[in-house]
C-alpha atoms as a PDB file:
ATOM      1  CA  MET A   1     -36.531  19.089 -21.362  1.00  0.00           C
ATOM      2  CA  ARG A   2     -37.712  15.568 -20.601  1.00  0.00           C
ATOM      3  CA  PHE A   3     -35.253  14.188 -23.082  1.00  0.00           C
ATOM      4  CA  LEU A   4     -32.377  16.057 -21.307  1.00  0.00           C
ATOM      5  CA  CYS A   5     -33.652  14.605 -17.911  1.00  0.00           C
ATOM      6  CA  LEU A   6     -33.836  11.083 -19.368  1.00  0.00           C
ATOM      7  CA  ILE A   7     -30.273  11.343 -20.648  1.00  0.00           C
ATOM      8  CA  THR A   8     -29.030  12.550 -17.241  1.00  0.00           C
ATOM      9  CA  VAL A   9     -30.753   9.889 -15.336  1.00  0.00           C
ATOM     10  CA  THR A  10     -29.454   7.177 -17.763  1.00  0.00           C
ATOM     11  CA  PHE A  11     -25.869   8.600 -17.415  1.00  0.00           C
ATOM     12  CA  LEU A  12     -26.017   8.692 -13.578  1.00  0.00           C
ATOM     13  CA  THR A  13     -27.482   5.184 -13.411  1.00  0.00           C
ATOM     14  CA  GLY A  14     -24.598   4.015 -15.598  1.00  0.00           C
ATOM     15  CA  LEU A  15     -22.141   5.647 -13.318  1.00  0.00           C
ATOM     16  CA  ALA A  16     -23.713   4.092 -10.179  1.00  0.00           C
ATOM     17  CA  PHE A  17     -23.630   0.660 -11.868  1.00  0.00           C
ATOM     18  CA  ALA A  18     -19.974   1.039 -12.863  1.00  0.00           C
ATOM     19  CA  ALA A  19     -19.063   2.112  -9.310  1.00  0.00           C
ATOM     20  CA  ASN A  20     -20.798  -0.975  -7.825  1.00  0.00           C
ATOM     21  CA  GLU A  21     -19.316  -3.356 -10.338  1.00  0.00           C
ATOM     22  CA  LYS A  22     -17.153  -5.908  -8.695  1.00  0.00           C
ATOM     23  CA  VAL A  23     -13.656  -6.510  -9.924  1.00  0.00           C
ATOM     24  CA  PRO A  24     -12.882 -10.236 -10.256  1.00  0.00           C
ATOM     25  CA  LEU A  25     -10.263 -11.706  -7.936  1.00  0.00           C
ATOM     26  CA  ASP A  26      -7.365 -13.876  -8.954  1.00  0.00           C
ATOM     27  CA  PRO A  27      -8.114 -17.289  -7.511  1.00  0.00           C
ATOM     28  CA  THR A  28      -4.389 -17.891  -6.700  1.00  0.00           C
ATOM     29  CA  THR A  29      -3.411 -14.598  -5.046  1.00  0.00           C
ATOM     30  CA  GLY A  30      -6.815 -13.068  -4.140  1.00  0.00           C
ATOM     31  CA  MET A  31      -5.711  -9.772  -5.821  1.00  0.00           C
ATOM     32  CA  LYS A  32      -8.166  -7.663  -7.748  1.00  0.00           C
ATOM     33  CA  MET A  33      -7.733  -8.413 -11.439  1.00  0.00           C
ATOM     34  CA  GLY A  34      -7.920  -4.774 -12.531  1.00  0.00           C
ATOM     35  CA  ALA A  35      -5.838  -3.039 -15.119  1.00  0.00           C
ATOM     36  CA  ASP A  36      -2.089  -3.892 -14.870  1.00  0.00           C
ATOM     37  CA  TRP A  37      -2.615  -6.322 -11.901  1.00  0.00           C
ATOM     38  CA  GLU A  38      -0.158  -8.809 -13.397  1.00  0.00           C
ATOM     39  CA  ILE A  39       2.692  -6.111 -13.258  1.00  0.00           C
ATOM     40  CA  VAL A  40       1.954  -5.574  -9.547  1.00  0.00           C
ATOM     41  CA  ARG A  41       1.728  -9.347  -8.827  1.00  0.00           C
ATOM     42  CA  ASN A  42       4.993  -9.951 -10.581  1.00  0.00           C
ATOM     43  CA  HIS A  43       6.851  -7.222  -8.742  1.00  0.00           C
ATOM     44  CA  CYS A  44       5.275  -7.421  -5.247  1.00  0.00           C
ATOM     45  CA  ILE A  45       4.731 -11.202  -4.864  1.00  0.00           C
ATOM     46  CA  ALA A  46       8.403 -11.796  -5.563  1.00  0.00           C
ATOM     47  CA  CYS A  47       9.095 -10.711  -1.943  1.00  0.00           C
ATOM     48  CA  HIS A  48       5.718 -10.533  -0.167  1.00  0.00           C
ATOM     49  CA  SER A  49       2.746 -12.769   0.347  1.00  0.00           C
ATOM     50  CA  PRO A  50      -0.352 -11.410  -1.502  1.00  0.00           C
ATOM     51  CA  GLN A  51      -1.850 -10.926   1.956  1.00  0.00           C
ATOM     52  CA  THR A  52       0.642  -8.049   2.527  1.00  0.00           C
ATOM     53  CA  ILE A  53      -1.099  -6.042  -0.246  1.00  0.00           C
ATOM     54  CA  LEU A  54      -4.629  -7.302   0.480  1.00  0.00           C
ATOM     55  CA  ARG A  55      -4.593  -6.167   4.103  1.00  0.00           C
ATOM     56  CA  GLN A  56      -3.281  -2.612   3.380  1.00  0.00           C
ATOM     57  CA  ARG A  57      -5.210   0.533   2.480  1.00  0.00           C
ATOM     58  CA  ALA A  58      -3.307   3.647   1.633  1.00  0.00           C
ATOM     59  CA  THR A  59      -3.399   6.879  -0.305  1.00  0.00           C
ATOM     60  CA  GLU A  60      -1.263   7.492  -3.335  1.00  0.00           C
ATOM     61  CA  ALA A  61       1.255   9.388  -1.255  1.00  0.00           C
ATOM     62  CA  ASN A  62       1.489   6.540   1.282  1.00  0.00           C
ATOM     63  CA  TRP A  63       1.776   3.822  -1.373  1.00  0.00           C
ATOM     64  CA  THR A  64       4.544   5.944  -3.110  1.00  0.00           C
ATOM     65  CA  SER A  65       6.420   6.481   0.203  1.00  0.00           C
ATOM     66  CA  THR A  66       6.181   2.805   0.986  1.00  0.00           C
ATOM     67  CA  LEU A  67       7.579   1.846  -2.360  1.00  0.00           C
ATOM     68  CA  GLU A  68      10.370   4.360  -2.163  1.00  0.00           C
ATOM     69  CA  TRP A  69      11.257   3.116   1.398  1.00  0.00           C
ATOM     70  CA  MET A  70      11.445  -0.458   0.054  1.00  0.00           C
ATOM     71  CA  GLN A  71      13.786   0.717  -2.626  1.00  0.00           C
ATOM     72  CA  THR A  72      16.014   2.560  -0.210  1.00  0.00           C
ATOM     73  CA  ASN A  73      15.940   0.282   2.783  1.00  0.00           C
ATOM     74  CA  GLY A  74      14.101  -3.004   1.939  1.00  0.00           C
ATOM     75  CA  GLY A  75      16.168  -4.454  -0.840  1.00  0.00           C
ATOM     76  CA  LEU A  76      13.744  -3.579  -3.673  1.00  0.00           C
ATOM     77  CA  TRP A  77      15.474  -3.012  -6.935  1.00  0.00           C
ATOM     78  CA  LYS A  78      15.104   0.424  -8.620  1.00  0.00           C
ATOM     79  CA  LEU A  79      11.990   0.387 -10.686  1.00  0.00           C
ATOM     80  CA  ASP A  80      11.543   2.044 -14.100  1.00  0.00           C
ATOM     81  CA  PRO A  81       9.515   5.199 -13.452  1.00  0.00           C
ATOM     82  CA  ALA A  82       6.692   4.040 -15.757  1.00  0.00           C
ATOM     83  CA  VAL A  83       6.492   0.714 -13.907  1.00  0.00           C
ATOM     84  CA  GLN A  84       6.511   2.408 -10.493  1.00  0.00           C
ATOM     85  CA  LYS A  85       3.682   4.800 -11.670  1.00  0.00           C
ATOM     86  CA  THR A  86       1.648   1.719 -12.925  1.00  0.00           C
ATOM     87  CA  ILE A  87       2.107  -0.088  -9.588  1.00  0.00           C
ATOM     88  CA  ILE A  88       1.063   3.037  -7.511  1.00  0.00           C
ATOM     89  CA  LYS A  89      -1.981   3.602  -9.739  1.00  0.00           C
ATOM     90  CA  TYR A  90      -3.090   0.047  -9.309  1.00  0.00           C
ATOM     91  CA  LEU A  91      -2.591   0.009  -5.649  1.00  0.00           C
ATOM     92  CA  THR A  92      -4.304   3.394  -5.095  1.00  0.00           C
ATOM     93  CA  THR A  93      -7.265   2.375  -7.254  1.00  0.00           C
ATOM     94  CA  HIS A  94      -7.892  -1.073  -5.758  1.00  0.00           C
ATOM     95  CA  TYR A  95      -6.363  -0.794  -2.253  1.00  0.00           C
ATOM     96  CA  GLY A  96      -6.898   2.969  -1.545  1.00  0.00           C
ATOM     97  CA  PRO A  97      -8.148   4.260   1.874  1.00  0.00           C
ATOM     98  CA  GLY A  98     -11.860   3.389   0.948  1.00  0.00           C
ATOM     99  CA  ASP A  99     -13.630   1.695   3.856  1.00  0.00           C
ATOM    100  CA  SER A 100     -12.011   2.702   7.088  1.00  0.00           C
ATOM    101  CA  GLY A 101     -12.971  -0.640   8.574  1.00  0.00           C
ATOM    102  CA  THR A 102     -10.326  -2.283   6.365  1.00  0.00           C
ATOM    103  CA  TYR A 103      -7.642   0.401   6.725  1.00  0.00           C
ATOM    104  CA  ARG A 104      -4.553  -0.791   8.563  1.00  0.00           C
ATOM    105  CA  ARG A 105      -4.033   1.298  11.711  1.00  0.00           C
ATOM    106  CA  PRO A 106      -0.809   3.380  11.957  1.00  0.00           C
ATOM    107  CA  PRO A 107       2.020   1.917  14.023  1.00  0.00           C
ATOM    108  CA  ILE A 108       1.850   2.470  17.688  1.00  0.00           C
ATOM    109  CA  PRO A 109       4.437   4.957  18.844  1.00  0.00           C
ATOM    110  CA  ALA A 110       7.327   3.285  20.731  1.00  0.00           C
ATOM    111  CA  THR A 111       6.632   5.508  23.820  1.00  0.00           C
ATOM    112  CA  LEU A 112       3.250   3.737  24.188  1.00  0.00           C
ATOM    113  CA  MET A 113       4.571   0.194  23.711  1.00  0.00           C
ATOM    114  CA  PRO A 114       5.188  -2.085  26.674  1.00  0.00           C
ATOM    115  CA  PRO A 115       8.677  -3.325  27.339  1.00  0.00           C
ATOM    116  CA  ASN A 116       9.672  -6.229  25.019  1.00  0.00           C
ATOM    117  CA  PRO A 117      10.202  -9.384  27.102  1.00  0.00           C
ATOM    118  CA  TYR A 118      12.016 -11.056  24.307  1.00  0.00           C
ATOM    119  CA  ALA A 119      14.557  -8.283  23.696  1.00  0.00           C
ATOM    120  CA  THR A 120      18.134  -9.453  23.674  1.00  0.00           C
ATOM    121  CA  ASP A 121      21.016  -7.589  25.312  1.00  0.00           C
ATOM    122  CA  ALA A 122      22.285  -6.647  21.907  1.00  0.00           C
ATOM    123  CA  ARG A 123      18.940  -5.230  20.845  1.00  0.00           C
ATOM    124  CA  LEU A 124      18.569  -3.228  24.070  1.00  0.00           C
ATOM    125  CA  GLU A 125      22.133  -1.829  23.601  1.00  0.00           C
ATOM    126  CA  ALA A 126      21.303  -0.920  19.989  1.00  0.00           C
ATOM    127  CA  GLU A 127      18.105   0.738  21.008  1.00  0.00           C
ATOM    128  CA  ALA A 128      19.959   2.682  23.844  1.00  0.00           C
ATOM    129  CA  LYS A 129      22.583   3.913  21.289  1.00  0.00           C
ATOM    130  CA  LYS A 130      19.830   4.944  18.895  1.00  0.00           C
ATOM    131  CA  GLN A 131      18.225   7.045  21.589  1.00  0.00           C
ATOM    132  CA  GLU A 132      21.555   8.688  22.483  1.00  0.00           C
ATOM    133  CA  GLY A 133      22.101   9.471  18.701  1.00  0.00           C
ATOM    134  CA  LEU A 134      25.202   7.163  18.570  1.00  0.00           C
ATOM    135  CA  ARG A 135      23.817   4.905  15.957  1.00  0.00           C
ATOM    136  CA  PRO A 136      24.103   5.991  12.351  1.00  0.00           C
ATOM    137  CA  ARG A 137      20.818   6.664  10.521  1.00  0.00           C
ATOM    138  CA  PRO A 138      20.195   5.153   7.120  1.00  0.00           C
ATOM    139  CA  PRO A 139      20.981   7.310   4.177  1.00  0.00           C
ATOM    140  CA  ALA A 140      18.342   9.920   3.198  1.00  0.00           C
ATOM    141  CA  PRO A 141      16.283   8.995  -0.024  1.00  0.00           C
ATOM    142  CA  ARG A 142      17.503  10.726  -3.135  1.00  0.00           C
END
């Protein structure tokens, strides 16, 4: 019985140590150098500052949605499904929800935003048409 307790305590201590183990940071980008981090760096840093990733925290569903939105609306090329899965896994593992103090807040609804003092007439007209349903919507994701 003591032997079984000793093995259990040793195993749990190892798990706790592994959970607290720090992942080294890339000195250039500041990204966590976990498994497949180079793939993420090479794909994401082509368009974004590393800070765009470092300041975000999201669930797997949110990271997936964001990546799909970028492919549909943001100019991101279509990724191989295996590469996309690798990127999502890295982002979820290293930049998942975790500590709520570092999670980016959701966007403020437009109805709660103050009027934009820098809006141009063209922007105001486009927003009015959007509200009236006269502006075409982007194509639905496939």
